[in-house]
Amino acid sequence: MNQQSVIVIGSGFGGLAAAARMRAKGYEVTILEARDQPGGRAGVFHREGHTFDAGPTVITAPHLFDELFELFGRDREDYYELMPVDPFYRVKFHDGTHFDYVDDEEKLLDQIAAFNPRDVDGYRKLAEHARDIFEIGYEQLVDESFAELGTMLRVIPDMIRLRNYKSVYGLVSDYIEDERLRRVFTFQPLLVGGNPFRVTSIYMLIHWLERKWGVHFAKGGTTAIVHGLTQLLEDEGVEIRYGTPVEEIEVDHQGRTTGVKTATGERLPASFVISNADPSYVYRDMIDSEHLTWNGSLRTRLTRQSMGLFVGYFGTDRQYDDIRHHEIILGERYRELLEDIFERKILADDFSLYLHRPTASDPSLAPEGGDTFYVLSPVPNNRSGIDWSTRGRPYFERILSKLEREHLPGLRDHLTTDFFVTPDYFETELRSVAGAGFGPEPRLSQSAWMRYHNVSEDVDGLYFVGAGTHPGAGLPGVVNSAKVVDNLIEPAPERLWRSGDTEYARAGE
């Protein structure tokens, strides 16, 4: 490697986006991936003719991916196809009613009126408030580095004006009376690892983000986006090495990274390192403690990790056409269940579920005449001490029983394959501290400047992308974290660089 080389640790969406941006700046880029496939949490499982996305399935702000292809004058549509999802979500309640969150304000208001006519005007005001939060929290700050405290201080007046000191549930309750509707408009923080009763209302921006750009799905599954990006990177000369876990980020006596050492002892030098790994794991296990300040030692020990995830995958030899692409199945308890998960860290007898039926949009993900499913249940992270080796299968059986009884009649007679992952998978396979599904919990005290910074204070030349750093989890946050790092790194020194038969001018010239 030469003096313009960059190593990216991990090929999750943050790592892939960072690699693209660094390549576009003229650097020689190598991605080191511990697993045998790209994607990180966005991996894929194949079983009995079914294709299961392992992780993220909700695609919002698709232009963020388009931008990565446009860096090289390429068209995303040449790599994968996106399709809109309608409704965005069907939310089912324990009393048998449901609400379709759709991209049609008139239909949305009609449904709200059916639940509670007084909440129609309340929702209009709530949506305006969510748009105001989006315009500040997303449009102005999502790709802004919060490495300096002054950046945080400058936005405090806006946060106070927008009532971001309130929780998501608290803010929604100011506008909405009906408890079922409160749940419809507050479950979204769970998609990024946050308890809606405790995360800052700045996360109401998710509501407007979905209203603005819609919810989409990639034909072939989220894995199609992963492979589209890896193909782009390979086309542009980026090397991706699989089965190459990084054991140590090497640091010289001046406190600057010199590269990495892999699990096999191979040393790879680099001008700088961009980590898509969990920052808590990196500071705890991948950097010699002599190079760490309070940020990398005490902060890592004090960080509250997000909840864990239990994800079951199953296929059927029949189709369930009345099940929508995304369904949120809420139990009778809401606040109390979330307290069990996030605070008490106990495995409750009841649960709320996210049921994903991708074959509603793309039948090719299952054998002909069949369906592919993924069911996710938020659970405590591994600080709970739950022994998933003994409790995992019984928990999955309870979930399958509920689905068969209330949503998928005859399910067990039509199963063709089923398996599951627990927080143990996240902790061991994905190296996420405490088996957290989304890295640090996105409370106000762990957001913006108070979240792991995109540039390390401990090690010069070390940068972070992904769910654990600013702006946080969820695909828009993860992909935007690469934008933050892009803004922090100068283009490669050479004026021109070559990719294939094309010569590019250095960015900005």
Protein backbone atom coordinates (compact mmCIF):
# COMPACT_ATOMS: atom_id res chain seq x y z
CA MET A 1 0.00 0.00 0.00
CA ASN A 2 1.16 3.53 -0.70
CA GLN A 3 0.94 6.72 1.33
CA GLN A 4 -2.56 7.30 -0.01
CA SER A 5 -4.02 4.02 1.24
CA VAL A 6 -7.12 3.62 3.39
CA ILE A 7 -8.28 0.56 5.28
CA VAL A 8 -11.99 0.20 6.02
CA ILE A 9 -12.85 -2.29 8.77
CA GLY A 10 -16.16 -3.96 7.97
CA SER A 11 -18.42 -4.05 4.93
CA GLY A 12 -21.70 -2.95 6.49
CA PHE A 13 -23.51 -0.09 4.78
CA GLY A 14 -21.39 2.46 6.63
CA GLY A 15 -18.17 0.82 5.53
CA LEU A 16 -19.31 0.40 1.93
CA ALA A 17 -20.42 4.05 1.74
CA ALA A 18 -17.15 5.25 3.30
CA ALA A 19 -15.12 3.14 0.90
CA ALA A 20 -16.96 4.65 -2.07
CA ARG A 21 -16.38 8.18 -0.84
CA MET A 22 -12.70 7.59 -0.15
CA ARG A 23 -12.21 6.00 -3.57
CA ALA A 24 -13.90 8.99 -5.16
CA LYS A 25 -11.35 11.19 -3.36
CA GLY A 26 -8.49 9.35 -4.98
CA TYR A 27 -7.40 6.95 -2.25
CA GLU A 28 -6.47 3.33 -2.67
CA VAL A 29 -9.06 1.54 -0.53
CA THR A 30 -9.11 -1.94 0.97
CA ILE A 31 -12.09 -3.28 2.92
CA LEU A 32 -11.37 -5.99 5.48
CA GLU A 33 -14.44 -8.07 6.31
CA ALA A 34 -14.37 -10.70 9.06
CA ARG A 35 -17.21 -12.75 7.63
CA ASP A 36 -17.51 -14.68 4.37
CA GLN A 37 -20.05 -12.24 2.92
CA PRO A 38 -20.53 -8.45 2.80
CA GLY A 39 -23.19 -6.42 4.56
CA GLY A 40 -22.52 -6.76 8.28
CA ARG A 41 -25.97 -6.71 9.90
CA ALA A 42 -27.37 -6.58 6.35
CA GLY A 43 -26.20 -10.08 5.54
CA VAL A 44 -28.32 -12.77 3.93
CA PHE A 45 -29.38 -16.36 4.68
CA HIS A 46 -30.42 -18.93 2.07
CA ARG A 47 -32.52 -21.89 3.20
CA GLU A 48 -34.59 -24.38 1.14
CA GLY A 49 -35.01 -21.98 -1.76
CA HIS A 50 -35.89 -19.00 0.48
CA THR A 51 -33.83 -15.80 0.61
CA PHE A 52 -33.86 -14.12 4.03
CA ASP A 53 -32.45 -10.66 4.67
CA ALA A 54 -30.62 -11.02 7.97
CA GLY A 55 -31.10 -7.45 9.13
CA PRO A 56 -32.45 -4.12 7.80
CA THR A 57 -35.47 -4.37 5.54
CA VAL A 58 -36.94 -0.84 5.57
CA ILE A 59 -35.33 1.35 2.88
CA THR A 60 -35.88 5.08 3.32
CA ALA A 61 -34.06 8.07 1.77
CA PRO A 62 -32.96 5.96 -1.25
CA HIS A 63 -31.22 8.97 -2.82
CA LEU A 64 -28.41 8.44 -0.30
CA PHE A 65 -27.49 5.25 -2.14
CA ASP A 66 -27.94 6.90 -5.53
CA GLU A 67 -25.34 9.51 -4.52
CA LEU A 68 -22.70 6.81 -4.09
CA PHE A 69 -23.11 5.64 -7.67
CA GLU A 70 -23.22 9.22 -8.96
CA LEU A 71 -19.76 9.82 -7.44
CA PHE A 72 -18.44 7.73 -10.32
CA GLY A 73 -20.87 8.85 -13.00
CA ARG A 74 -22.84 5.63 -12.70
CA ASP A 75 -26.56 4.94 -12.44
CA ARG A 76 -27.87 3.00 -9.47
CA GLU A 77 -30.59 1.46 -11.63
CA ASP A 78 -27.91 -0.48 -13.49
CA TYR A 79 -27.08 -2.29 -10.25
CA TYR A 80 -30.39 -2.97 -8.49
CA GLU A 81 -34.09 -2.11 -8.63
CA LEU A 82 -36.12 -0.33 -5.96
CA MET A 83 -39.87 -0.57 -5.54
CA PRO A 84 -42.20 1.43 -3.25
CA VAL A 85 -43.98 -0.34 -0.40
CA ASP A 86 -47.66 0.44 0.25
CA PRO A 87 -48.71 0.65 2.98
CA PHE A 88 -45.48 1.64 4.67
CA TYR A 89 -46.59 -0.44 7.66
CA ARG A 90 -49.77 -2.11 8.84
CA VAL A 91 -49.98 -1.68 12.62
CA LYS A 92 -52.11 -4.32 14.35
CA PHE A 93 -53.49 -3.91 17.87
CA HIS A 94 -54.38 -6.52 20.45
CA ASP A 95 -58.09 -5.65 20.12
CA GLY A 96 -58.15 -6.79 16.49
CA THR A 97 -58.13 -3.33 14.88
CA HIS A 98 -55.37 -2.14 12.58
CA PHE A 99 -54.00 1.07 11.07
CA ASP A 100 -52.32 1.36 7.67
CA TYR A 101 -49.58 3.97 7.64
CA VAL A 102 -49.76 5.06 3.99
CA ASP A 103 -48.25 7.65 1.67
CA ASP A 104 -51.60 9.39 1.20
CA GLU A 105 -52.53 12.12 3.66
CA GLU A 106 -56.26 11.94 2.92
CA LYS A 107 -56.35 8.20 3.64
CA LEU A 108 -54.20 8.76 6.69
CA LEU A 109 -56.58 11.39 8.08
CA ASP A 110 -59.63 9.26 7.32
CA GLN A 111 -58.18 6.44 9.40
CA ILE A 112 -57.29 8.79 12.23
CA ALA A 113 -60.85 10.14 12.21
CA ALA A 114 -62.20 6.59 12.51
CA PHE A 115 -60.13 6.12 15.68
CA ASN A 116 -60.74 9.57 17.16
CA PRO A 117 -62.06 12.58 15.18
CA ARG A 118 -60.38 15.04 17.57
CA ASP A 119 -56.98 13.61 16.66
CA VAL A 120 -57.23 14.71 13.00
CA ASP A 121 -56.29 18.28 13.80
CA GLY A 122 -53.79 17.04 16.37
CA TYR A 123 -52.07 14.90 13.76
CA ARG A 124 -51.82 17.82 11.34
CA LYS A 125 -50.02 19.81 14.03
CA LEU A 126 -47.85 16.83 14.94
CA ALA A 127 -46.82 16.35 11.32
CA GLU A 128 -45.86 20.04 11.06
CA HIS A 129 -43.80 19.70 14.22
CA ALA A 130 -42.11 16.57 12.85
CA ARG A 131 -41.27 18.47 9.65
CA ASP A 132 -39.71 21.31 11.69
CA ILE A 133 -37.61 18.77 13.59
CA PHE A 134 -36.61 17.12 10.31
CA GLU A 135 -35.50 20.42 8.78
CA ILE A 136 -33.14 21.08 11.70
CA GLY A 137 -32.19 17.62 12.92
CA TYR A 138 -31.79 16.01 9.51
CA GLU A 139 -31.35 18.54 6.75
CA GLN A 140 -28.94 20.75 8.71
CA LEU A 141 -27.20 18.38 11.12
CA VAL A 142 -27.23 14.79 9.86
CA ASP A 143 -23.88 15.05 8.05
CA GLU A 144 -22.38 17.58 10.45
CA SER A 145 -19.51 16.39 12.63
CA PHE A 146 -20.20 16.77 16.34
CA ALA A 147 -16.59 16.25 17.36
CA GLU A 148 -16.54 19.76 18.83
CA LEU A 149 -18.74 20.69 21.79
CA GLY A 150 -19.43 24.06 20.19
CA THR A 151 -21.41 22.36 17.42
CA MET A 152 -23.75 20.91 20.04
CA LEU A 153 -24.05 24.18 21.93
CA ARG A 154 -25.10 26.04 18.79
CA VAL A 155 -28.12 23.80 18.25
CA ILE A 156 -29.40 23.83 21.84
CA PRO A 157 -31.72 26.83 21.25
CA ASP A 158 -33.34 25.01 18.33
CA MET A 159 -33.66 21.84 20.41
CA ILE A 160 -35.41 23.75 23.19
CA ARG A 161 -37.72 25.48 20.73
CA LEU A 162 -38.62 22.13 19.17
CA ARG A 163 -39.13 20.55 22.60
CA ASN A 164 -36.46 17.92 22.02
CA TYR A 165 -36.10 17.63 25.79
CA LYS A 166 -39.33 15.62 25.60
CA SER A 167 -39.43 11.96 24.68
CA VAL A 168 -40.99 10.83 21.40
CA TYR A 169 -43.99 9.46 23.28
CA GLY A 170 -44.27 12.62 25.37
CA LEU A 171 -44.30 14.88 22.31
CA VAL A 172 -46.82 12.74 20.41
CA SER A 173 -49.07 12.71 23.47
CA ASP A 174 -49.19 16.52 23.36
CA TYR A 175 -51.07 16.21 20.06
CA ILE A 176 -52.75 12.78 20.00
CA GLU A 177 -55.36 11.50 22.49
CA ASP A 178 -56.08 7.96 21.29
CA GLU A 179 -53.67 5.46 22.83
CA ARG A 180 -53.61 3.28 19.72
CA LEU A 181 -52.68 6.25 17.54
CA ARG A 182 -50.00 7.25 20.02
CA ARG A 183 -48.45 3.84 19.43
CA VAL A 184 -48.72 4.19 15.65
CA PHE A 185 -46.68 7.38 15.72
CA THR A 186 -44.14 6.38 18.36
CA PHE A 187 -42.89 2.88 17.52
CA GLN A 188 -40.38 4.16 14.92
CA PRO A 189 -37.49 4.75 17.40
CA LEU A 190 -37.50 1.00 18.02
CA LEU A 191 -36.23 0.66 14.43
CA VAL A 192 -33.01 2.41 15.53
CA GLY A 193 -32.71 0.84 18.98
CA GLY A 194 -34.49 3.43 21.11
CA ASN A 195 -37.27 3.29 23.69
CA PRO A 196 -39.90 5.85 22.54
CA PHE A 197 -40.60 6.70 26.19
CA ARG A 198 -36.96 7.70 26.74
CA VAL A 199 -35.36 8.79 23.47
CA THR A 200 -35.37 12.48 22.59
CA SER A 201 -38.19 13.70 20.38
CA ILE A 202 -35.61 14.67 17.77
CA TYR A 203 -36.28 11.15 16.48
CA MET A 204 -39.70 12.33 15.32
CA LEU A 205 -37.73 13.30 12.22
CA ILE A 206 -38.11 9.64 11.18
CA HIS A 207 -41.82 10.24 10.70
CA TRP A 208 -41.27 13.12 8.30
CA LEU A 209 -38.40 11.34 6.55
CA GLU A 210 -40.78 8.51 5.68
CA ARG A 211 -43.47 10.97 4.62
CA LYS A 212 -40.98 12.84 2.42
CA TRP A 213 -39.23 9.97 0.62
CA GLY A 214 -41.43 6.97 1.26
CA VAL A 215 -40.58 3.39 2.24
CA HIS A 216 -38.99 1.15 -0.37
CA PHE A 217 -37.77 -2.38 -0.93
CA ALA A 218 -35.05 -3.66 -3.23
CA LYS A 219 -35.96 -6.42 -5.65
CA GLY A 220 -34.02 -9.43 -4.41
CA GLY A 221 -34.00 -8.06 -0.86
CA THR A 222 -31.74 -5.62 0.96
CA THR A 223 -28.88 -7.92 0.03
CA ALA A 224 -29.34 -6.69 -3.57
CA ILE A 225 -28.25 -3.22 -2.43
CA VAL A 226 -25.24 -4.70 -0.63
CA HIS A 227 -24.16 -6.57 -3.75
CA GLY A 228 -24.86 -3.55 -5.94
CA LEU A 229 -22.48 -1.49 -3.81
CA THR A 230 -19.81 -4.18 -3.66
CA GLN A 231 -19.99 -4.52 -7.44
CA LEU A 232 -19.61 -0.75 -7.80
CA LEU A 233 -16.58 -0.75 -5.52
CA GLU A 234 -14.95 -3.64 -7.33
CA ASP A 235 -15.62 -1.89 -10.66
CA GLU A 236 -13.80 1.13 -9.25
CA GLY A 237 -10.77 -0.79 -8.03
CA VAL A 238 -11.58 -1.25 -4.33
CA GLU A 239 -10.30 -4.53 -2.88
CA ILE A 240 -12.67 -6.39 -0.54
CA ARG A 241 -11.07 -9.15 1.48
CA TYR A 242 -13.47 -11.58 3.15
CA GLY A 243 -12.63 -13.86 6.06
CA THR A 244 -10.15 -11.27 7.30
CA PRO A 245 -11.03 -10.17 10.83
CA VAL A 246 -9.00 -7.28 12.22
CA GLU A 247 -7.50 -8.04 15.61
CA GLU A 248 -5.74 -4.76 16.36
CA ILE A 249 -5.56 -1.18 15.16
CA GLU A 250 -1.87 -0.40 15.43
CA VAL A 251 -0.79 2.92 16.89
CA ASP A 252 2.70 4.47 16.93
CA HIS A 253 4.36 6.27 19.85
CA GLN A 254 2.97 9.58 18.60
CA GLY A 255 -0.59 8.32 18.94
CA ARG A 256 -1.31 7.87 15.24
CA THR A 257 -2.57 4.74 13.57
CA THR A 258 -0.15 3.05 11.20
CA GLY A 259 -2.56 0.41 9.99
CA VAL A 260 -4.03 -2.83 11.29
CA LYS A 261 -3.09 -6.35 12.28
CA THR A 262 -5.39 -9.18 11.23
CA ALA A 263 -6.26 -12.31 13.20
CA THR A 264 -3.63 -14.24 11.25
CA GLY A 265 -0.92 -11.77 12.30
CA GLU A 266 -0.72 -10.02 8.93
CA ARG A 267 0.13 -6.31 9.23
CA LEU A 268 -1.42 -3.93 6.72
CA PRO A 269 -0.20 -0.32 6.71
CA ALA A 270 -2.52 2.58 5.93
CA SER A 271 -2.59 6.36 5.83
CA PHE A 272 -5.68 6.16 8.00
CA VAL A 273 -8.31 3.67 9.13
CA ILE A 274 -12.10 3.94 8.94
CA SER A 275 -13.92 1.56 11.25
CA ASN A 276 -17.44 0.30 10.58
CA ALA A 277 -17.15 -1.88 13.69
CA ASP A 278 -18.94 -1.13 16.96
CA PRO A 279 -16.92 1.70 18.59
CA SER A 280 -17.41 0.14 22.03
CA TYR A 281 -15.80 -3.05 20.76
CA VAL A 282 -13.01 -1.20 18.97
CA TYR A 283 -11.99 0.82 22.02
CA ARG A 284 -12.33 -2.16 24.35
CA ASP A 285 -10.69 -4.89 22.30
CA MET A 286 -8.82 -3.52 19.26
CA ILE A 287 -6.61 -0.71 20.60
CA ASP A 288 -3.87 -1.07 23.21
CA SER A 289 -5.11 0.59 26.40
CA GLU A 290 -1.96 2.72 26.68
CA HIS A 291 -3.27 4.80 23.77
CA LEU A 292 -6.70 5.46 25.27
CA THR A 293 -7.97 8.46 27.22
CA TRP A 294 -11.24 8.58 29.17
CA ASN A 295 -13.09 8.53 25.83
CA GLY A 296 -11.92 5.09 24.87
CA SER A 297 -11.84 3.57 28.34
CA LEU A 298 -14.23 5.08 30.88
CA ARG A 299 -16.73 6.16 28.23
CA THR A 300 -16.85 2.67 26.78
CA ARG A 301 -17.62 1.20 30.20
CA LEU A 302 -20.35 3.77 30.90
CA THR A 303 -22.13 3.56 27.53
CA ARG A 304 -25.67 2.19 27.67
CA GLN A 305 -26.15 -0.28 24.85
CA SER A 306 -29.41 -0.57 22.92
CA MET A 307 -31.80 -3.47 23.30
CA GLY A 308 -31.16 -6.86 21.79
CA LEU A 309 -33.01 -8.52 18.95
CA PHE A 310 -34.51 -11.96 18.59
CA VAL A 311 -35.08 -12.64 14.90
CA GLY A 312 -36.87 -15.71 13.61
CA TYR A 313 -36.82 -16.72 9.94
CA PHE A 314 -39.26 -19.14 8.37
CA GLY A 315 -40.61 -20.17 4.99
CA THR A 316 -43.93 -21.66 3.98
CA ASP A 317 -45.19 -23.69 1.04
CA ARG A 318 -48.35 -21.57 0.83
CA GLN A 319 -48.94 -17.83 0.51
CA TYR A 320 -50.61 -15.55 3.04
CA ASP A 321 -51.89 -12.80 0.77
CA ASP A 322 -53.63 -10.87 3.55
CA ILE A 323 -50.29 -10.17 5.27
CA ARG A 324 -48.69 -6.90 4.18
CA HIS A 325 -45.00 -6.41 3.46
CA HIS A 326 -44.32 -4.74 6.84
CA GLU A 327 -46.55 -5.48 9.82
CA ILE A 328 -46.15 -4.19 13.37
CA ILE A 329 -47.99 -6.49 15.79
CA LEU A 330 -48.43 -4.71 19.11
CA GLY A 331 -49.26 -6.53 22.30
CA GLU A 332 -51.59 -5.21 25.00
CA ARG A 333 -48.71 -3.81 27.05
CA TYR A 334 -46.59 -1.02 25.55
CA ARG A 335 -44.77 1.12 28.11
CA GLU A 336 -44.52 -1.76 30.59
CA LEU A 337 -43.12 -4.17 27.98
CA LEU A 338 -40.51 -1.64 26.89
CA GLU A 339 -39.50 -1.13 30.53
CA ASP A 340 -39.01 -4.91 30.82
CA ILE A 341 -36.78 -4.86 27.74
CA PHE A 342 -34.73 -1.71 28.27
CA GLU A 343 -34.64 -1.18 32.03
CA ARG A 344 -35.50 -4.35 33.93
CA LYS A 345 -33.82 -6.51 31.27
CA ILE A 346 -36.16 -9.45 31.72
CA LEU A 347 -37.67 -11.72 29.07
CA ALA A 348 -41.38 -11.03 29.35
CA ASP A 349 -44.14 -13.54 28.74
CA ASP A 350 -45.69 -11.25 26.11
CA PHE A 351 -44.13 -9.49 23.15
CA SER A 352 -44.63 -7.06 20.31
CA LEU A 353 -43.41 -8.12 16.88
CA TYR A 354 -42.30 -6.83 13.51
CA LEU A 355 -43.41 -9.30 10.82
CA HIS A 356 -41.70 -8.96 7.45
CA ARG A 357 -43.17 -10.67 4.38
CA PRO A 358 -40.89 -9.61 1.49
CA THR A 359 -42.66 -11.95 -0.90
CA ALA A 360 -45.58 -9.53 -0.79
CA SER A 361 -43.41 -7.37 -3.07
CA ASP A 362 -41.02 -9.90 -4.61
CA PRO A 363 -42.32 -13.49 -4.93
CA SER A 364 -38.92 -14.64 -6.25
CA LEU A 365 -37.62 -14.70 -2.65
CA ALA A 366 -39.49 -17.96 -2.05
CA PRO A 367 -40.08 -21.12 -4.10
CA GLU A 368 -43.13 -20.86 -6.35
CA GLY A 369 -46.35 -20.78 -4.35
CA GLY A 370 -44.55 -20.10 -1.07
CA ASP A 371 -43.81 -17.19 1.25
CA THR A 372 -40.70 -15.98 3.03
CA PHE A 373 -41.00 -14.43 6.52
CA TYR A 374 -38.83 -12.79 9.15
CA VAL A 375 -40.22 -11.96 12.58
CA LEU A 376 -38.37 -9.67 14.96
CA SER A 377 -38.97 -9.32 18.68
CA PRO A 378 -37.14 -6.65 20.73
CA VAL A 379 -35.57 -8.34 23.77
CA PRO A 380 -33.07 -7.34 26.46
CA ASN A 381 -29.43 -7.20 25.42
CA ASN A 382 -26.95 -9.63 26.92
CA ARG A 383 -26.44 -7.56 30.07
CA SER A 384 -29.61 -9.44 31.09
CA GLY A 385 -27.81 -12.74 31.61
CA ILE A 386 -30.48 -14.61 29.61
CA ASP A 387 -29.23 -18.04 28.53
CA TRP A 388 -30.38 -18.07 24.92
CA SER A 389 -28.96 -21.56 24.33
CA THR A 390 -31.81 -22.93 26.45
CA ARG A 391 -34.46 -20.21 26.09
CA GLY A 392 -34.13 -19.39 22.40
CA ARG A 393 -36.11 -22.27 20.90
CA PRO A 394 -38.98 -22.11 23.39
CA TYR A 395 -39.24 -18.36 22.81
CA PHE A 396 -39.44 -18.90 19.03
CA GLU A 397 -42.10 -21.57 19.51
CA ARG A 398 -44.20 -19.09 21.50
CA ILE A 399 -43.87 -16.55 18.70
CA LEU A 400 -44.85 -19.09 16.05
CA SER A 401 -47.84 -20.13 18.14
CA LYS A 402 -49.04 -16.53 18.42
CA LEU A 403 -48.61 -15.98 14.68
CA GLU A 404 -50.46 -19.19 13.84
CA ARG A 405 -53.28 -18.43 16.28
CA GLU A 406 -53.85 -14.79 15.30
CA HIS A 407 -52.29 -14.08 11.90
CA LEU A 408 -51.08 -17.12 9.92
CA PRO A 409 -53.64 -19.93 10.18
CA GLY A 410 -52.24 -23.41 9.69
CA LEU A 411 -48.68 -22.11 9.86
CA ARG A 412 -47.03 -25.18 11.33
CA ASP A 413 -48.56 -27.45 8.69
CA HIS A 414 -46.97 -25.34 5.97
CA LEU A 415 -43.48 -24.60 7.38
CA THR A 416 -40.64 -25.56 5.06
CA THR A 417 -37.76 -24.14 7.09
CA ASP A 418 -37.25 -22.16 10.28
CA PHE A 419 -34.32 -20.90 12.35
CA PHE A 420 -33.51 -17.92 14.54
CA VAL A 421 -30.75 -15.67 15.87
CA THR A 422 -30.49 -14.11 19.33
CA PRO A 423 -28.36 -11.39 20.93
CA ASP A 424 -25.62 -14.04 21.12
CA TYR A 425 -25.33 -13.84 17.31
CA PHE A 426 -24.90 -10.08 17.49
CA GLU A 427 -22.26 -10.36 20.21
CA THR A 428 -20.18 -13.16 18.70
CA GLU A 429 -20.74 -13.08 14.94
CA LEU A 430 -21.16 -9.30 14.58
CA ARG A 431 -18.94 -8.29 17.52
CA SER A 432 -21.53 -5.96 19.03
CA VAL A 433 -20.90 -5.29 22.72
CA ALA A 434 -23.56 -6.88 24.97
CA GLY A 435 -25.25 -8.30 21.86
CA ALA A 436 -26.89 -4.92 21.26
CA GLY A 437 -28.86 -4.73 18.04
CA PHE A 438 -28.01 -1.09 17.27
CA GLY A 439 -24.91 -0.11 19.28
CA PRO A 440 -25.30 2.61 21.94
CA GLU A 441 -28.89 3.39 22.91
CA PRO A 442 -29.95 6.66 21.22
CA ARG A 443 -30.86 8.62 24.34
CA LEU A 444 -30.26 12.37 24.42
CA SER A 445 -27.25 11.72 26.66
CA GLN A 446 -25.78 9.50 23.91
CA SER A 447 -26.62 11.60 20.86
CA ALA A 448 -24.69 14.16 18.77
CA TRP A 449 -21.56 15.32 20.66
CA MET A 450 -22.34 12.84 23.45
CA ARG A 451 -22.27 9.87 21.05
CA TYR A 452 -19.02 8.27 19.87
CA HIS A 453 -17.42 10.80 17.55
CA ASN A 454 -16.75 10.10 13.87
CA VAL A 455 -13.11 11.05 14.42
CA SER A 456 -11.28 9.48 17.32
CA GLU A 457 -9.91 11.75 20.06
CA ASP A 458 -7.59 8.94 21.17
CA VAL A 459 -5.96 7.83 17.94
CA ASP A 460 -5.02 10.18 15.11
CA GLY A 461 -6.08 8.86 11.73
CA LEU A 462 -8.91 6.70 13.09
CA TYR A 463 -12.48 7.43 11.98
CA PHE A 464 -15.83 5.78 12.67
CA VAL A 465 -18.90 5.12 10.56
CA GLY A 466 -21.97 3.01 11.23
CA ALA A 467 -24.70 2.72 13.85
CA GLY A 468 -22.47 3.35 16.85
CA THR A 469 -21.35 6.82 15.88
CA HIS A 470 -23.11 10.05 14.84
CA PRO A 471 -25.79 10.36 13.51
CA GLY A 472 -26.84 6.87 14.67
CA ALA A 473 -28.55 3.68 13.59
CA GLY A 474 -30.95 3.09 10.71
CA LEU A 475 -29.89 3.08 7.07
CA PRO A 476 -30.11 6.88 6.56
CA GLY A 477 -28.02 7.46 9.69
CA VAL A 478 -25.45 4.82 8.81
CA VAL A 479 -25.00 6.01 5.21
CA ASN A 480 -24.84 9.63 6.36
CA SER A 481 -22.08 8.76 8.83
CA ALA A 482 -19.86 8.18 5.79
CA LYS A 483 -20.74 11.70 4.62
CA VAL A 484 -19.57 13.06 7.97
CA VAL A 485 -16.23 11.30 7.61
CA ASP A 486 -16.01 12.40 3.97
CA ASN A 487 -16.27 16.01 5.15
CA LEU A 488 -13.42 15.47 7.62
CA ILE A 489 -10.87 14.01 5.18
CA GLU A 490 -9.04 15.91 2.47
CA PRO A 491 -8.82 14.48 -1.06
CA ALA A 492 -5.79 12.38 -1.92
CA PRO A 493 -2.71 14.53 -2.68
CA GLU A 494 -2.42 13.54 -6.34
CA ARG A 495 -4.32 15.78 -8.73
CA LEU A 496 -5.50 12.88 -10.91
CA TRP A 497 -6.32 9.26 -10.27
CA ARG A 498 -7.40 6.49 -12.56
CA SER A 499 -10.22 3.94 -12.32
CA GLY A 500 -10.27 1.47 -15.17
CA ASP A 501 -10.10 3.51 -18.36
CA THR A 502 -11.40 6.69 -16.73
CA GLU A 503 -9.28 9.50 -15.31
CA TYR A 504 -10.79 11.66 -12.56
CA ALA A 505 -9.78 15.10 -11.34
CA ARG A 506 -9.21 15.43 -7.64
CA ALA A 507 -12.39 16.52 -5.89
CA GLY A 508 -12.82 20.28 -5.91
CA GLU A 509 -10.48 20.95 -8.85
